[in-house]
Amino acid sequence: MKKLFFVEMTDTFGGEANYGWVNRFMVTAASSLGAIRKVTKKTGYHAKKYYDEGDAVRYNVPGACICYFVSYSDGSESEHYNGVETL
C-alpha cells in the first residue's frame, strides 16, 4: 500500500543540516526507502542511510555536503511551504 512521504534535501555544515538551501518533495511510495529512491533518481545524488528514528530517516550523500530527511506525511507540508515538488 502506497503512503505519502515528505522529503527535504538540504546542505550540511560540519555534518549537521544547515538549511542554507532546501528542496522539498511530496512522494508517494510503499516505504521510506522507495521514497528516497524516487527523490535521488530525480536529484541525481546517491544517498546512504545515516540514521532511522522511526518517524524520520536521514540519508547522507557520500562525498558531498548534502543530506535528505524522509518522514511520513499527511500532506499538510504543502500548505506550509512554497514550491514543494510532487513525485
N, C-alpha and C. Protein backbone atom coordinates (compact mmCIF):
# COMPACT_ATOMS: atom_id res chain seq x y z
N MET A 1 0.83 -1.17 0.00
CA MET A 1 0.00 0.00 0.00
C MET A 1 0.89 1.25 0.00
N LYS A 2 0.60 2.17 -0.88
CA LYS A 2 1.40 3.38 -1.01
C LYS A 2 1.02 4.39 0.07
N LYS A 3 2.04 5.08 0.57
CA LYS A 3 1.86 6.11 1.59
C LYS A 3 2.47 7.40 1.07
N LEU A 4 2.17 8.48 1.75
CA LEU A 4 2.71 9.78 1.39
C LEU A 4 3.90 10.10 2.30
N PHE A 5 5.01 10.54 1.68
CA PHE A 5 6.22 10.88 2.42
C PHE A 5 6.62 12.31 2.08
N PHE A 6 7.21 12.98 3.07
CA PHE A 6 7.75 14.32 2.90
C PHE A 6 9.27 14.19 2.95
N VAL A 7 9.95 14.69 1.92
CA VAL A 7 11.41 14.57 1.83
C VAL A 7 12.01 15.98 1.72
N GLU A 8 12.98 16.26 2.57
CA GLU A 8 13.73 17.51 2.49
C GLU A 8 15.17 17.19 2.11
N MET A 9 15.69 17.92 1.16
CA MET A 9 17.08 17.81 0.72
C MET A 9 17.74 19.14 1.07
N THR A 10 18.83 19.10 1.84
CA THR A 10 19.48 20.35 2.25
C THR A 10 20.99 20.17 2.35
N ASP A 11 21.68 21.29 2.51
CA ASP A 11 23.13 21.27 2.67
C ASP A 11 23.49 20.96 4.12
N THR A 12 24.73 20.58 4.33
CA THR A 12 25.21 20.33 5.68
C THR A 12 26.46 21.19 5.93
N PHE A 13 26.71 21.44 7.19
CA PHE A 13 27.92 22.14 7.61
C PHE A 13 28.41 21.45 8.87
N GLY A 14 29.61 20.94 8.83
CA GLY A 14 30.14 20.19 9.97
C GLY A 14 29.35 18.93 10.26
N GLY A 15 28.71 18.38 9.23
CA GLY A 15 27.93 17.16 9.38
C GLY A 15 26.49 17.37 9.83
N GLU A 16 26.14 18.60 10.18
CA GLU A 16 24.78 18.91 10.63
C GLU A 16 24.00 19.59 9.51
N ALA A 17 22.70 19.35 9.47
CA ALA A 17 21.85 20.00 8.48
C ALA A 17 21.94 21.51 8.67
N ASN A 18 22.17 22.24 7.57
CA ASN A 18 22.41 23.68 7.64
C ASN A 18 21.22 24.50 7.17
N TYR A 19 20.45 24.00 6.24
CA TYR A 19 19.29 24.69 5.65
C TYR A 19 19.67 26.04 5.04
N GLY A 20 20.91 26.12 4.50
CA GLY A 20 21.29 27.29 3.71
C GLY A 20 20.46 27.33 2.43
N TRP A 21 20.09 26.18 1.95
CA TRP A 21 19.15 25.99 0.84
C TRP A 21 18.42 24.69 1.12
N VAL A 22 17.25 24.53 0.55
CA VAL A 22 16.47 23.31 0.77
C VAL A 22 15.54 23.06 -0.42
N ASN A 23 15.41 21.80 -0.79
CA ASN A 23 14.43 21.35 -1.78
C ASN A 23 13.48 20.41 -1.06
N ARG A 24 12.18 20.58 -1.29
CA ARG A 24 11.19 19.75 -0.60
C ARG A 24 10.35 18.99 -1.62
N PHE A 25 10.03 17.74 -1.27
CA PHE A 25 9.29 16.86 -2.15
C PHE A 25 8.19 16.13 -1.39
N MET A 26 7.05 15.94 -2.03
CA MET A 26 6.00 15.05 -1.54
C MET A 26 6.06 13.82 -2.45
N VAL A 27 6.19 12.65 -1.85
CA VAL A 27 6.41 11.43 -2.63
C VAL A 27 5.43 10.35 -2.20
N THR A 28 4.83 9.69 -3.16
CA THR A 28 4.00 8.53 -2.90
C THR A 28 4.86 7.28 -3.12
N ALA A 29 4.99 6.46 -2.07
CA ALA A 29 5.81 5.26 -2.15
C ALA A 29 5.33 4.26 -1.10
N ALA A 30 5.81 3.03 -1.22
CA ALA A 30 5.43 1.99 -0.27
C ALA A 30 6.23 2.08 1.03
N SER A 31 7.42 2.71 0.99
CA SER A 31 8.28 2.80 2.17
C SER A 31 9.17 4.03 2.05
N SER A 32 9.87 4.35 3.14
CA SER A 32 10.80 5.48 3.10
C SER A 32 11.93 5.20 2.12
N LEU A 33 12.33 3.94 1.99
CA LEU A 33 13.35 3.57 1.02
C LEU A 33 12.87 3.84 -0.40
N GLY A 34 11.63 3.50 -0.69
CA GLY A 34 11.06 3.78 -2.00
C GLY A 34 10.98 5.27 -2.27
N ALA A 35 10.67 6.04 -1.23
CA ALA A 35 10.59 7.50 -1.38
C ALA A 35 11.95 8.09 -1.68
N ILE A 36 13.00 7.67 -0.95
CA ILE A 36 14.33 8.22 -1.19
C ILE A 36 14.85 7.80 -2.55
N ARG A 37 14.49 6.61 -3.00
CA ARG A 37 14.91 6.18 -4.34
C ARG A 37 14.32 7.08 -5.42
N LYS A 38 13.06 7.45 -5.28
CA LYS A 38 12.43 8.35 -6.25
C LYS A 38 13.11 9.72 -6.26
N VAL A 39 13.38 10.23 -5.07
CA VAL A 39 13.97 11.56 -4.97
C VAL A 39 15.42 11.57 -5.47
N THR A 40 16.20 10.56 -5.10
CA THR A 40 17.59 10.54 -5.56
C THR A 40 17.68 10.35 -7.07
N LYS A 41 16.74 9.63 -7.63
CA LYS A 41 16.71 9.50 -9.09
C LYS A 41 16.45 10.86 -9.73
N LYS A 42 15.56 11.64 -9.12
CA LYS A 42 15.22 12.97 -9.62
C LYS A 42 16.38 13.95 -9.45
N THR A 43 17.03 13.92 -8.28
CA THR A 43 18.08 14.90 -7.97
C THR A 43 19.46 14.49 -8.48
N GLY A 44 19.66 13.20 -8.72
CA GLY A 44 20.94 12.74 -9.26
C GLY A 44 22.01 12.45 -8.22
N TYR A 45 21.66 12.48 -6.93
CA TYR A 45 22.62 12.20 -5.87
C TYR A 45 22.28 10.88 -5.19
N HIS A 46 23.25 9.97 -5.13
CA HIS A 46 23.09 8.71 -4.41
C HIS A 46 23.21 8.99 -2.92
N ALA A 47 22.38 8.36 -2.10
CA ALA A 47 22.41 8.61 -0.66
C ALA A 47 22.45 7.31 0.13
N LYS A 48 23.10 7.36 1.29
CA LYS A 48 23.17 6.22 2.19
C LYS A 48 22.50 6.58 3.51
N LYS A 49 21.80 5.59 4.08
CA LYS A 49 21.10 5.83 5.35
C LYS A 49 22.11 6.16 6.45
N TYR A 50 21.83 7.23 7.18
CA TYR A 50 22.68 7.67 8.28
C TYR A 50 22.06 7.27 9.62
N TYR A 51 20.77 7.53 9.77
CA TYR A 51 20.06 7.06 10.95
C TYR A 51 18.57 6.94 10.67
N ASP A 52 17.91 6.14 11.50
CA ASP A 52 16.47 5.91 11.38
C ASP A 52 15.87 6.03 12.78
N GLU A 53 15.07 7.08 12.98
CA GLU A 53 14.44 7.30 14.28
C GLU A 53 13.00 6.79 14.31
N GLY A 54 12.61 6.03 13.32
CA GLY A 54 11.24 5.51 13.26
C GLY A 54 10.32 6.44 12.50
N ASP A 55 10.14 7.66 12.98
CA ASP A 55 9.26 8.60 12.28
C ASP A 55 10.03 9.46 11.28
N ALA A 56 11.35 9.46 11.35
CA ALA A 56 12.17 10.21 10.40
C ALA A 56 13.45 9.44 10.10
N VAL A 57 13.87 9.47 8.84
CA VAL A 57 15.08 8.79 8.41
C VAL A 57 15.98 9.83 7.76
N ARG A 58 17.27 9.82 8.11
CA ARG A 58 18.22 10.72 7.47
C ARG A 58 19.13 9.92 6.55
N TYR A 59 19.35 10.46 5.37
CA TYR A 59 20.27 9.90 4.39
C TYR A 59 21.32 10.94 4.08
N ASN A 60 22.59 10.54 3.99
CA ASN A 60 23.68 11.43 3.61
C ASN A 60 24.16 11.09 2.22
N VAL A 61 24.66 12.09 1.51
CA VAL A 61 25.24 11.89 0.19
C VAL A 61 26.76 11.77 0.38
N PRO A 62 27.34 10.60 0.08
CA PRO A 62 28.79 10.43 0.25
C PRO A 62 29.56 11.41 -0.64
N GLY A 63 30.58 12.06 -0.06
CA GLY A 63 31.43 12.95 -0.82
C GLY A 63 30.82 14.32 -1.11
N ALA A 64 29.67 14.61 -0.53
CA ALA A 64 29.03 15.91 -0.74
C ALA A 64 28.43 16.38 0.59
N CYS A 65 28.25 17.65 0.72
CA CYS A 65 27.66 18.23 1.95
C CYS A 65 26.16 18.36 1.77
N ILE A 66 25.50 17.21 1.56
CA ILE A 66 24.06 17.17 1.30
C ILE A 66 23.46 16.03 2.10
N CYS A 67 22.27 16.27 2.66
CA CYS A 67 21.53 15.20 3.32
C CYS A 67 20.06 15.30 2.96
N TYR A 68 19.35 14.21 3.19
CA TYR A 68 17.92 14.12 2.97
C TYR A 68 17.26 13.69 4.28
N PHE A 69 16.07 14.21 4.55
CA PHE A 69 15.25 13.75 5.65
C PHE A 69 13.95 13.23 5.06
N VAL A 70 13.55 12.02 5.45
CA VAL A 70 12.33 11.40 4.95
C VAL A 70 11.42 11.13 6.14
N SER A 71 10.16 11.56 6.04
CA SER A 71 9.20 11.31 7.11
C SER A 71 7.81 11.06 6.51
N TYR A 72 6.96 10.38 7.27
CA TYR A 72 5.58 10.19 6.85
C TYR A 72 4.89 11.54 6.77
N SER A 73 3.87 11.63 5.93
CA SER A 73 3.20 12.91 5.74
C SER A 73 1.69 12.74 5.72
N ASP A 74 1.00 13.77 6.16
CA ASP A 74 -0.45 13.83 6.00
C ASP A 74 -0.81 14.82 4.89
N GLY A 75 0.22 15.37 4.23
CA GLY A 75 0.01 16.29 3.12
C GLY A 75 0.00 17.75 3.53
N SER A 76 0.04 18.03 4.83
CA SER A 76 -0.05 19.42 5.29
C SER A 76 1.19 20.24 4.97
N GLU A 77 2.32 19.59 4.68
CA GLU A 77 3.54 20.33 4.39
C GLU A 77 3.38 21.23 3.16
N SER A 78 2.57 20.79 2.21
CA SER A 78 2.34 21.59 1.01
C SER A 78 1.68 22.92 1.36
N GLU A 79 0.92 22.96 2.44
CA GLU A 79 0.26 24.18 2.87
C GLU A 79 1.25 25.14 3.56
N HIS A 80 2.30 24.57 4.20
CA HIS A 80 3.22 25.37 4.99
C HIS A 80 4.43 25.87 4.20
N TYR A 81 4.78 25.20 3.11
CA TYR A 81 5.97 25.55 2.34
C TYR A 81 5.59 25.83 0.89
N ASN A 82 6.23 26.82 0.30
CA ASN A 82 6.05 27.10 -1.13
C ASN A 82 6.99 26.21 -1.93
N GLY A 83 6.57 25.81 -3.10
CA GLY A 83 7.44 25.10 -4.02
C GLY A 83 7.72 23.65 -3.67
N VAL A 84 6.82 22.98 -2.97
CA VAL A 84 7.01 21.55 -2.69
C VAL A 84 6.70 20.78 -3.96
N GLU A 85 7.69 20.03 -4.45
CA GLU A 85 7.52 19.28 -5.69
C GLU A 85 6.91 17.92 -5.39
N THR A 86 5.96 17.50 -6.20
CA THR A 86 5.30 16.20 -6.02
C THR A 86 5.91 15.20 -6.99
N LEU A 87 6.29 14.03 -6.46
CA LEU A 87 6.84 12.95 -7.29
C LEU A 87 5.93 11.75 -7.18
